[in-house]
Amino acid sequence: MSKMLVGIDVSLRSHHVQCMDEAGRSLASFSVSNDQNRADTLIKRMLETSEKVNSHILQIGMEATSNLGWHLAHYLKDQLQGYEPKLKAQIYVLNARKVARFKKGYDHLPKNDRIDAWVIADHLRFNRLPNEMQDTIQHEALQRLTRTRFHLMKNITRDKTYFLNQVFLKFSGLRQDNPFSNTFGTTCLAVIQELEPEQIVAMSIEELIDFLKEHGKNRFANPEEIAKYLQKIARSSYRLNKVMADPVNISLSVTLSVIKHMENEVKRLDKEISKLMKGIPETLTSVKGIGPVFAAGIIAEIAGIKRFKNHDALAKYAGLVWNQHQSGEFEAQETARAQTGNKYLRYYLVQAADKVRHHDVEYKSFYQKKFDEVPKHQHKRALVLTARKLVRLVYALLSTNKLYTPPERRD
């Protein structure tokens, strides 16, 4: 059965479409607006062209460009199903980076929408394609929440770093050698927001102890020791120019307010994610440390474990693979992780691995072994390798739909 290849270069206002036969000959080239009415026009033009060349298979490809092609991809899939079995439509959402690399194989191609659509169609012709787009609307609905959460968490991390840089301006000693276990804990934030280093030095030790007890709700085992240390680092801290004092305090207050707001929104997302997860059968939460949120992030991005033939394929999709560096008799012992893969899936796998290692003796032991193997970047390396180990378990649980049995309960 002959194929017709259709490359679609998507954009905000319009799409350029290139139809091509299996020999690489152009069959049609046209543009349509990015709306539902013009999507019907696109379907009509594709069907007319395929009928002329007696094609019974349509391979349609478009890049995963933000959400600009989301409506079109789903609309085409829904509408073209009505023409089966006479005409089979296969829709592929392509990795934009791979398409760009494919284009580099051609010398001096110009950059415009028509050429980009042609390159996508030609990329389809070589048949090195991802899995065909499936009906995974439930997973995509979950993705909206888990990906939004991912972006909020990244912004929180970034803003916390900015906040800590401002803390150094106000109270350099506290930033350098913080006596509190958590800079963003209630007591430490009260010190940052309500006291200046000069005030801490001028306060009696009793006043400072009372301040710490009040804001720490009497949870400190030795408030006197902390109070004395605070005064010590306050004496050695830089003194901020008075002209800078108010701007720095306002900057700290505003940044902290934004952080707290985003953290509240994350809690709101977590509640909605947990609600959706109640309707999705899964066994990942049988692993202690993987709650409904991390399970949701993993399941949403996998979008059906049957898409992957083994755990190696899943690890590659997540970007938890390491490139081989070999030439002749030489083979490097240390190689960098491949800078590709689904960043959302990788994030949730790494976060889940960090939790699991605290609860599961097997993963705790593995993490510690990898931590001890190198003199630097121990935690980051060990955690990523633990996440790769977790991929095997995730694949097994989702493939078999069985509950996890921790090491201490195995025969």
Protein backbone atom coordinates (compact mmCIF):
# COMPACT_ATOMS: atom_id res chain seq x y z
CA MET A 1 0.00 0.00 0.00
CA SER A 2 1.40 3.36 -1.02
CA LYS A 3 2.00 6.12 1.52
CA MET A 4 1.57 9.85 1.31
CA LEU A 5 3.79 11.80 3.68
CA VAL A 6 2.46 15.05 5.11
CA GLY A 7 4.74 17.50 6.91
CA ILE A 8 3.04 20.31 8.83
CA ASP A 9 5.00 23.29 10.11
CA VAL A 10 2.82 24.63 12.92
CA SER A 11 2.74 28.22 14.15
CA LEU A 12 0.44 30.46 16.15
CA ARG A 13 -1.61 31.86 13.26
CA SER A 14 -1.12 29.41 10.41
CA HIS A 15 0.31 26.05 9.34
CA HIS A 16 2.25 25.28 6.18
CA VAL A 17 1.57 21.82 4.74
CA GLN A 18 3.78 19.76 2.44
CA CYS A 19 2.52 16.54 0.83
CA MET A 20 5.15 14.19 -0.57
CA ASP A 21 5.24 10.70 -2.08
CA GLU A 22 7.57 7.90 -1.00
CA ALA A 23 10.12 8.88 -3.64
CA GLY A 24 10.41 12.40 -2.22
CA ARG A 25 8.40 14.13 -4.97
CA SER A 26 6.25 17.06 -3.95
CA LEU A 27 2.52 16.44 -4.38
CA ALA A 28 1.05 19.58 -2.84
CA SER A 29 2.15 22.58 -0.81
CA PHE A 30 -0.23 25.04 0.84
CA SER A 31 -0.97 27.07 3.99
CA VAL A 32 -4.03 27.15 6.23
CA SER A 33 -5.00 29.26 9.22
CA ASN A 34 -4.67 27.78 12.68
CA ASP A 35 -8.37 27.31 13.46
CA GLN A 36 -10.91 24.51 13.28
CA ASN A 37 -12.57 25.65 10.04
CA ARG A 38 -9.24 25.67 8.20
CA ALA A 39 -8.36 22.31 9.74
CA ASP A 40 -11.34 20.95 7.78
CA THR A 41 -9.86 22.56 4.66
CA LEU A 42 -6.52 20.89 5.41
CA ILE A 43 -8.22 17.49 5.71
CA LYS A 44 -10.08 18.03 2.44
CA ARG A 45 -6.88 18.98 0.57
CA MET A 46 -4.99 15.98 1.99
CA LEU A 47 -7.75 13.56 1.01
CA GLU A 48 -8.01 15.00 -2.50
CA THR A 49 -4.24 14.70 -2.98
CA SER A 50 -4.09 11.15 -1.60
CA GLU A 51 -6.94 10.11 -3.89
CA LYS A 52 -5.10 11.47 -6.94
CA VAL A 53 -2.02 9.36 -6.21
CA ASN A 54 -4.05 6.37 -5.01
CA SER A 55 -2.51 6.47 -1.51
CA HIS A 56 -4.11 4.44 1.27
CA ILE A 57 -1.81 5.44 4.13
CA LEU A 58 -1.33 8.99 5.38
CA GLN A 59 1.73 9.60 7.56
CA ILE A 60 1.31 13.03 9.12
CA GLY A 61 4.12 14.66 11.10
CA MET A 62 4.45 17.87 13.05
CA GLU A 63 6.92 19.12 15.60
CA ALA A 64 6.14 19.27 19.31
CA THR A 65 6.15 23.08 19.27
CA SER A 66 4.73 24.24 22.61
CA ASN A 67 0.95 23.73 22.40
CA LEU A 68 0.49 25.32 18.98
CA GLY A 69 -0.19 22.03 17.21
CA TRP A 70 -2.07 20.29 20.01
CA HIS A 71 -5.57 21.08 18.74
CA LEU A 72 -4.66 20.22 15.15
CA ALA A 73 -3.08 16.85 16.03
CA HIS A 74 -6.09 15.72 18.06
CA TYR A 75 -8.59 17.09 15.53
CA LEU A 76 -6.89 15.25 12.66
CA LYS A 77 -6.81 12.02 14.65
CA ASP A 78 -10.51 12.26 15.52
CA GLN A 79 -11.71 13.24 12.04
CA LEU A 80 -9.55 10.86 10.01
CA GLN A 81 -10.66 7.83 12.02
CA GLY A 82 -13.92 8.01 10.09
CA TYR A 83 -12.14 7.06 6.85
CA GLU A 84 -10.79 3.73 8.13
CA PRO A 85 -10.28 1.03 6.93
CA LYS A 86 -10.17 2.47 3.41
CA LEU A 87 -7.64 5.08 4.47
CA LYS A 88 -5.28 4.71 7.44
CA ALA A 89 -3.93 7.88 9.05
CA GLN A 90 -0.83 7.79 11.27
CA ILE A 91 0.03 10.94 13.20
CA TYR A 92 3.49 11.57 14.64
CA VAL A 93 4.52 14.35 17.01
CA LEU A 94 8.22 14.76 16.29
CA ASN A 95 11.08 15.95 18.47
CA ALA A 96 12.01 19.40 17.15
CA ARG A 97 15.69 18.88 17.96
CA LYS A 98 15.82 15.67 15.90
CA VAL A 99 14.13 17.38 12.97
CA ALA A 100 16.65 20.24 13.18
CA ARG A 101 19.53 17.75 13.14
CA PHE A 102 17.97 15.97 10.18
CA LYS A 103 17.78 19.29 8.31
CA LYS A 104 21.51 19.84 8.82
CA GLY A 105 22.10 16.90 6.48
CA TYR A 106 21.05 19.17 3.60
CA ASP A 107 23.43 21.88 2.43
CA HIS A 108 22.27 25.50 2.39
CA LEU A 109 18.54 25.02 2.87
CA PRO A 110 16.83 28.38 3.56
CA LYS A 111 14.75 28.91 6.70
CA ASN A 112 11.07 29.44 5.94
CA ASP A 113 7.77 27.70 6.72
CA ARG A 114 7.52 25.99 3.33
CA ILE A 115 11.00 24.46 3.63
CA ASP A 116 10.41 23.46 7.25
CA ALA A 117 7.22 21.58 6.26
CA TRP A 118 9.15 19.90 3.43
CA VAL A 119 11.91 18.80 5.87
CA ILE A 120 9.31 17.29 8.22
CA ALA A 121 7.73 15.36 5.35
CA ASP A 122 11.14 14.13 4.19
CA HIS A 123 11.98 13.11 7.75
CA LEU A 124 8.87 10.91 7.72
CA ARG A 125 10.07 9.33 4.48
CA PHE A 126 13.13 7.84 6.18
CA ASN A 127 10.83 6.08 8.65
CA ARG A 128 12.90 6.55 11.83
CA LEU A 129 9.88 7.66 13.76
CA PRO A 130 8.67 7.78 17.36
CA ASN A 131 5.58 5.92 18.47
CA GLU A 132 2.44 6.86 16.62
CA MET A 133 0.25 9.34 18.48
CA GLN A 134 -2.28 7.51 20.65
CA ASP A 135 -5.49 8.58 22.36
CA THR A 136 -4.01 9.51 25.75
CA ILE A 137 -6.27 12.40 26.72
CA GLN A 138 -6.45 11.25 30.36
CA HIS A 139 -2.67 11.32 30.61
CA GLU A 140 -2.52 14.69 28.85
CA ALA A 141 -5.04 16.12 31.31
CA LEU A 142 -2.79 14.94 34.14
CA GLN A 143 0.22 16.44 32.34
CA ARG A 144 -1.32 19.91 32.48
CA LEU A 145 -1.21 19.73 36.26
CA THR A 146 2.11 17.92 36.75
CA ARG A 147 3.95 20.10 34.21
CA THR A 148 2.54 23.29 35.75
CA ARG A 149 3.75 22.01 39.11
CA PHE A 150 7.19 21.34 37.60
CA HIS A 151 7.45 24.93 36.37
CA LEU A 152 6.30 26.34 39.70
CA MET A 153 8.88 24.25 41.58
CA LYS A 154 11.62 25.47 39.25
CA ASN A 155 10.53 29.08 39.82
CA ILE A 156 10.46 28.55 43.58
CA THR A 157 14.01 27.19 43.49
CA ARG A 158 15.18 30.13 41.38
CA ASP A 159 13.47 32.71 43.64
CA LYS A 160 14.86 31.10 46.78
CA THR A 161 18.37 31.46 45.35
CA TYR A 162 17.64 35.13 44.62
CA PHE A 163 16.27 35.57 48.14
CA LEU A 164 19.44 34.10 49.68
CA ASN A 165 21.57 36.51 47.64
CA GLN A 166 19.58 39.39 49.15
CA VAL A 167 20.05 37.91 52.64
CA PHE A 168 23.82 38.23 52.20
CA LEU A 169 23.41 41.96 51.66
CA LYS A 170 21.40 42.38 54.86
CA PHE A 171 23.06 39.82 57.13
CA SER A 172 26.19 38.36 55.52
CA GLY A 173 27.08 36.16 58.49
CA LEU A 174 23.68 34.44 58.49
CA ARG A 175 24.10 33.59 54.82
CA GLN A 176 27.62 32.26 55.38
CA ASP A 177 27.08 30.24 58.56
CA ASN A 178 23.41 29.82 59.42
CA PRO A 179 22.74 28.36 62.89
CA PHE A 180 19.25 27.31 61.79
CA SER A 181 18.69 24.03 59.97
CA ASN A 182 16.38 25.69 57.43
CA THR A 183 16.83 29.24 56.15
CA PHE A 184 13.16 29.27 55.14
CA GLY A 185 11.95 28.03 58.51
CA THR A 186 9.70 30.29 60.58
CA THR A 187 12.32 31.39 63.12
CA CYS A 188 15.08 32.11 60.62
CA LEU A 189 12.71 34.13 58.44
CA ALA A 190 11.60 36.10 61.51
CA VAL A 191 15.25 36.96 62.23
CA ILE A 192 15.80 38.04 58.62
CA GLN A 193 12.62 40.11 58.40
CA GLU A 194 12.38 41.65 61.86
CA LEU A 195 15.95 42.16 63.05
CA GLU A 196 19.04 43.94 61.77
CA PRO A 197 22.54 42.71 62.71
CA GLU A 198 23.02 45.87 64.81
CA GLN A 199 19.84 45.10 66.76
CA ILE A 200 20.95 41.54 67.45
CA VAL A 201 24.28 42.79 68.81
CA ALA A 202 22.53 45.39 71.00
CA MET A 203 19.95 42.96 72.42
CA SER A 204 20.56 41.24 75.71
CA ILE A 205 21.00 37.49 75.51
CA GLU A 206 17.72 37.06 77.42
CA GLU A 207 15.80 39.19 74.88
CA LEU A 208 17.21 37.24 72.00
CA ILE A 209 16.40 33.91 73.67
CA ASP A 210 12.80 35.07 74.22
CA PHE A 211 12.58 36.07 70.54
CA LEU A 212 13.77 32.64 69.44
CA LYS A 213 11.43 30.83 71.84
CA GLU A 214 8.44 32.85 70.69
CA HIS A 215 9.00 32.31 66.96
CA GLY A 216 10.30 28.76 67.39
CA LYS A 217 7.37 27.80 69.63
CA ASN A 218 9.83 26.45 72.24
CA ARG A 219 11.06 23.74 69.87
CA PHE A 220 14.78 24.58 70.14
CA ALA A 221 16.72 22.24 72.39
CA ASN A 222 19.29 24.92 73.24
CA PRO A 223 18.04 28.44 72.39
CA GLU A 224 20.79 30.07 74.46
CA GLU A 225 23.49 28.51 72.30
CA ILE A 226 21.76 29.68 69.11
CA ALA A 227 21.29 33.19 70.56
CA LYS A 228 25.00 33.48 71.41
CA TYR A 229 25.99 32.24 67.96
CA LEU A 230 23.63 34.72 66.31
CA GLN A 231 25.27 37.57 68.18
CA LYS A 232 28.70 36.28 67.20
CA ILE A 233 27.93 36.22 63.45
CA ALA A 234 26.08 39.55 63.73
CA ARG A 235 29.21 41.22 65.12
CA SER A 236 31.34 39.93 62.23
CA SER A 237 28.81 40.72 59.50
CA TYR A 238 29.16 43.63 57.08
CA ARG A 239 27.15 46.73 57.93
CA LEU A 240 24.74 47.72 55.17
CA ASN A 241 24.63 51.38 54.12
CA LYS A 242 21.45 53.04 55.43
CA VAL A 243 20.47 54.11 51.90
CA MET A 244 20.37 50.43 50.94
CA ALA A 245 18.52 49.18 54.01
CA ASP A 246 14.92 49.85 52.97
CA PRO A 247 15.32 48.69 49.35
CA VAL A 248 16.93 45.42 50.50
CA ASN A 249 14.21 44.80 53.10
CA ILE A 250 11.46 45.48 50.55
CA SER A 251 13.17 43.20 48.02
CA LEU A 252 13.33 40.42 50.63
CA SER A 253 9.69 40.91 51.61
CA VAL A 254 8.40 40.91 48.03
CA THR A 255 10.46 37.88 46.99
CA LEU A 256 9.37 35.93 50.05
CA SER A 257 5.72 36.82 49.36
CA VAL A 258 6.04 35.47 45.80
CA ILE A 259 7.68 32.27 47.07
CA LYS A 260 4.92 31.68 49.63
CA HIS A 261 2.23 32.34 47.02
CA MET A 262 3.78 29.82 44.62
CA GLU A 263 4.13 27.25 47.41
CA ASN A 264 0.42 27.65 48.18
CA GLU A 265 -0.39 27.16 44.48
CA VAL A 266 1.72 23.98 44.47
CA LYS A 267 -0.39 22.66 47.36
CA ARG A 268 -3.51 23.49 45.34
CA LEU A 269 -2.13 21.59 42.34
CA ASP A 270 -1.20 18.64 44.55
CA LYS A 271 -4.81 18.35 45.72
CA GLU A 272 -6.11 18.35 42.14
CA ILE A 273 -3.49 15.83 41.06
CA SER A 274 -4.49 13.51 43.91
CA LYS A 275 -8.13 13.76 42.84
CA LEU A 276 -7.30 12.78 39.24
CA MET A 277 -5.07 9.94 40.37
CA LYS A 278 -8.00 8.27 42.15
CA GLY A 279 -9.42 7.39 38.72
CA ILE A 280 -6.15 5.98 37.33
CA PRO A 281 -5.25 2.38 38.32
CA GLU A 282 -1.56 2.17 39.28
CA THR A 283 0.81 0.38 41.65
CA LEU A 284 3.63 2.94 41.94
CA THR A 285 2.28 4.28 45.22
CA SER A 286 2.90 0.84 46.76
CA VAL A 287 6.55 1.94 46.88
CA LYS A 288 7.08 3.83 50.12
CA GLY A 289 8.20 7.35 49.23
CA ILE A 290 6.25 7.58 45.98
CA GLY A 291 3.05 9.45 46.73
CA PRO A 292 0.23 10.31 44.31
CA VAL A 293 1.97 13.47 43.04
CA PHE A 294 5.25 11.80 42.04
CA ALA A 295 3.33 8.81 40.67
CA ALA A 296 1.20 11.21 38.61
CA GLY A 297 4.25 12.97 37.18
CA ILE A 298 5.76 9.63 36.11
CA ILE A 299 2.55 8.11 34.73
CA ALA A 300 1.50 11.27 32.87
CA GLU A 301 4.77 11.45 30.95
CA ILE A 302 5.02 7.71 30.23
CA ALA A 303 1.45 7.84 28.84
CA GLY A 304 1.15 4.07 28.59
CA ILE A 305 3.96 1.68 29.47
CA LYS A 306 3.29 -0.45 26.38
CA ARG A 307 4.95 2.26 24.30
CA PHE A 308 8.30 1.01 25.66
CA LYS A 309 9.71 -2.43 24.91
CA ASN A 310 11.90 -2.54 28.05
CA HIS A 311 13.27 -0.44 30.89
CA ASP A 312 16.24 0.65 28.76
CA ALA A 313 13.87 2.28 26.28
CA LEU A 314 12.08 4.02 29.13
CA ALA A 315 15.37 5.25 30.60
CA LYS A 316 16.40 6.61 27.20
CA TYR A 317 13.08 8.43 26.90
CA ALA A 318 13.69 9.99 30.32
CA GLY A 319 17.25 10.99 29.42
CA LEU A 320 18.75 8.75 32.11
CA VAL A 321 21.41 7.25 29.83
CA TRP A 322 25.13 7.85 29.49
CA ASN A 323 26.89 8.20 26.14
CA GLN A 324 29.66 5.77 25.28
CA HIS A 325 33.03 7.33 24.44
CA GLN A 326 35.19 4.73 22.71
CA SER A 327 37.85 4.81 20.02
CA GLY A 328 40.12 1.90 19.07
CA GLU A 329 41.50 0.39 22.29
CA PHE A 330 40.41 3.35 24.40
CA GLU A 331 37.14 3.53 26.27
CA ALA A 332 36.41 6.31 28.76
CA GLN A 333 35.49 5.23 32.27
CA GLU A 334 33.58 8.41 33.03
CA THR A 335 31.01 9.68 30.55
CA ALA A 336 28.43 12.44 30.71
CA ARG A 337 24.71 11.85 30.85
CA ALA A 338 23.02 12.37 27.49
CA GLN A 339 21.49 15.87 27.48
CA THR A 340 18.28 14.68 25.88
CA GLY A 341 15.04 13.09 26.97
CA ASN A 342 11.81 14.10 28.63
CA LYS A 343 12.79 16.62 31.31
CA TYR A 344 9.46 16.29 33.14
CA LEU A 345 9.72 12.51 33.47
CA ARG A 346 13.36 12.79 34.53
CA TYR A 347 12.46 15.38 37.19
CA TYR A 348 9.75 13.24 38.77
CA LEU A 349 11.90 10.11 38.66
CA VAL A 350 14.76 11.91 40.41
CA GLN A 351 12.43 13.44 43.00
CA ALA A 352 10.83 10.05 43.63
CA ALA A 353 14.25 8.38 43.92
CA ASP A 354 15.26 10.93 46.55
CA LYS A 355 12.24 9.98 48.65
CA VAL A 356 12.47 6.23 48.09
CA ARG A 357 16.10 6.07 49.24
CA HIS A 358 15.02 7.30 52.68
CA HIS A 359 12.50 4.47 53.10
CA ASP A 360 13.81 1.47 51.16
CA VAL A 361 17.00 -0.26 52.38
CA GLU A 362 17.91 -1.52 48.90
CA TYR A 363 17.79 1.95 47.38
CA LYS A 364 19.44 3.50 50.42
CA SER A 365 22.36 1.08 50.10
CA PHE A 366 22.65 1.66 46.35
CA TYR A 367 22.61 5.45 46.80
CA GLN A 368 25.32 5.28 49.48
CA LYS A 369 27.50 3.02 47.34
CA LYS A 370 27.35 5.47 44.41
CA PHE A 371 27.86 8.41 46.78
CA ASP A 372 31.10 6.90 48.10
CA GLU A 373 32.54 6.14 44.66
CA VAL A 374 33.54 9.72 43.75
CA PRO A 375 35.13 12.68 45.58
CA LYS A 376 32.87 15.41 44.17
CA HIS A 377 29.25 15.95 43.11
CA GLN A 378 28.47 12.88 45.21
CA HIS A 379 24.81 13.59 45.95
CA LYS A 380 23.85 14.68 42.45
CA ARG A 381 25.58 11.70 40.82
CA ALA A 382 24.28 9.15 43.32
CA LEU A 383 20.73 10.48 43.07
CA VAL A 384 20.62 10.37 39.27
CA LEU A 385 22.00 6.83 39.26
CA THR A 386 19.41 5.86 41.87
CA ALA A 387 16.73 7.32 39.60
CA ARG A 388 18.05 5.11 36.79
CA LYS A 389 17.72 2.10 39.08
CA LEU A 390 14.18 3.22 39.92
CA VAL A 391 13.30 3.13 36.20
CA ARG A 392 13.59 -0.67 36.27
CA LEU A 393 11.13 -0.86 39.14
CA VAL A 394 8.72 1.62 37.54
CA TYR A 395 8.74 -0.36 34.30
CA ALA A 396 8.17 -3.65 36.12
CA LEU A 397 5.31 -2.35 38.29
CA LEU A 398 3.48 -0.65 35.43
CA SER A 399 4.01 -3.61 33.09
CA THR A 400 2.78 -6.26 35.53
CA ASN A 401 0.38 -4.10 37.54
CA LYS A 402 1.71 -5.76 40.69
CA LEU A 403 2.31 -4.19 44.10
CA TYR A 404 5.87 -3.61 45.29
CA THR A 405 7.31 -5.88 47.95
CA PRO A 406 10.05 -4.16 49.98
CA PRO A 407 13.30 -6.11 50.64
CA GLU A 408 12.51 -6.85 54.29
CA ARG A 409 9.27 -8.61 53.32
CA ARG A 410 10.67 -10.77 50.54
CA ASP A 411 11.20 -14.50 51.07
